[in-house]
C-alpha cells in the first residue's frame, strides 16, 4: 500500500548511473533539472554513484541544493553500469522511468517522445541509433561503432532479438515493467542492455524502438574492446538463464 501511494505522487523518474562523472555532470545535471522544471508534472532524479573517487555524489548534492526531488544513492565500490542502473531503476518511484547516461549523448528532451509511446501502451521504449530517421550528429570512432554492430548482431542471433541497437544509453519503461524486468536482472557488465531486453521479450512486453539524436562523447569511459569480450560470454549466460527458466 505504501509503495503504491508513493509511486502515485511521482509522474517521471530519471535514473542516471555515474562513475567518476563529476566533470560531465557539472554541465549536464543543471540541463536535466531545467528540462524537468519545464513541465513534466511531479518528477525525481535518481543518481547512482557507482563507487566514484572524484566526488561525483558530493557534486550532485551541491547542485541539487537540498531539492528533495533529487536522490543520490552511493555504492561502496565500482560494480558496473548494469548494477548501477538496476539499483536506480528499482529505487525509482515514477509512473514512468527513464535512464540516461551522464553525458547526455542522447539529449534529455528525447524524454517527451518516449513518454508519449509509454502512455500509448508500450511497456518499454528504447533509443535506436541504427534507424534511418536517427540523427548521428557526431559518430563514434569506426572501431567502437564496428564492435557495437558486431555485438548487436551476435545478440540478435544468440537471443533471437528483433532489436537492432541494444546499447543506446537511453531507455524508458512503465514503472510496473521496470520492476518486473530489473528484479530479474543478473548482468552487471555491458551486457545488461541485452539482458533486460531479453527479459522484457520473455515476459511478453511490448517494446518500441525510437529513432534518436545522438552525439558521441569522445571521452567515454567504456573500453569497448574489453567490454565486448566480456559481454560475449555474458550473452551465452543470458541465453542459458532464459532457456532454463531463471527469468520467470
Foldseek 3Di string as FASTA:
>chain_A
DVLLVLLVQAAEEEEEEDAQCLPLLVPCVVVLVVVPVVDDHHYAYEYEYQQHDNCNQVSNCVVCVPVPRYHYHYDNHRQAPLVSVLVRLQPDSHQKYKYAYSNPLFPPVVVVVQVVVVVVAAFKEEEDAPDPPAAAPADDPPVLVVLQQVLQVVLCVLLVDPHRHQQHRIMMGRSVLSNLQSVLQDDRYSLSSSLSVSLCVLVVGGYHYDHTYGYDDPPDPDPSVVRSVVNVVVSVVSSVCVVVVSSD
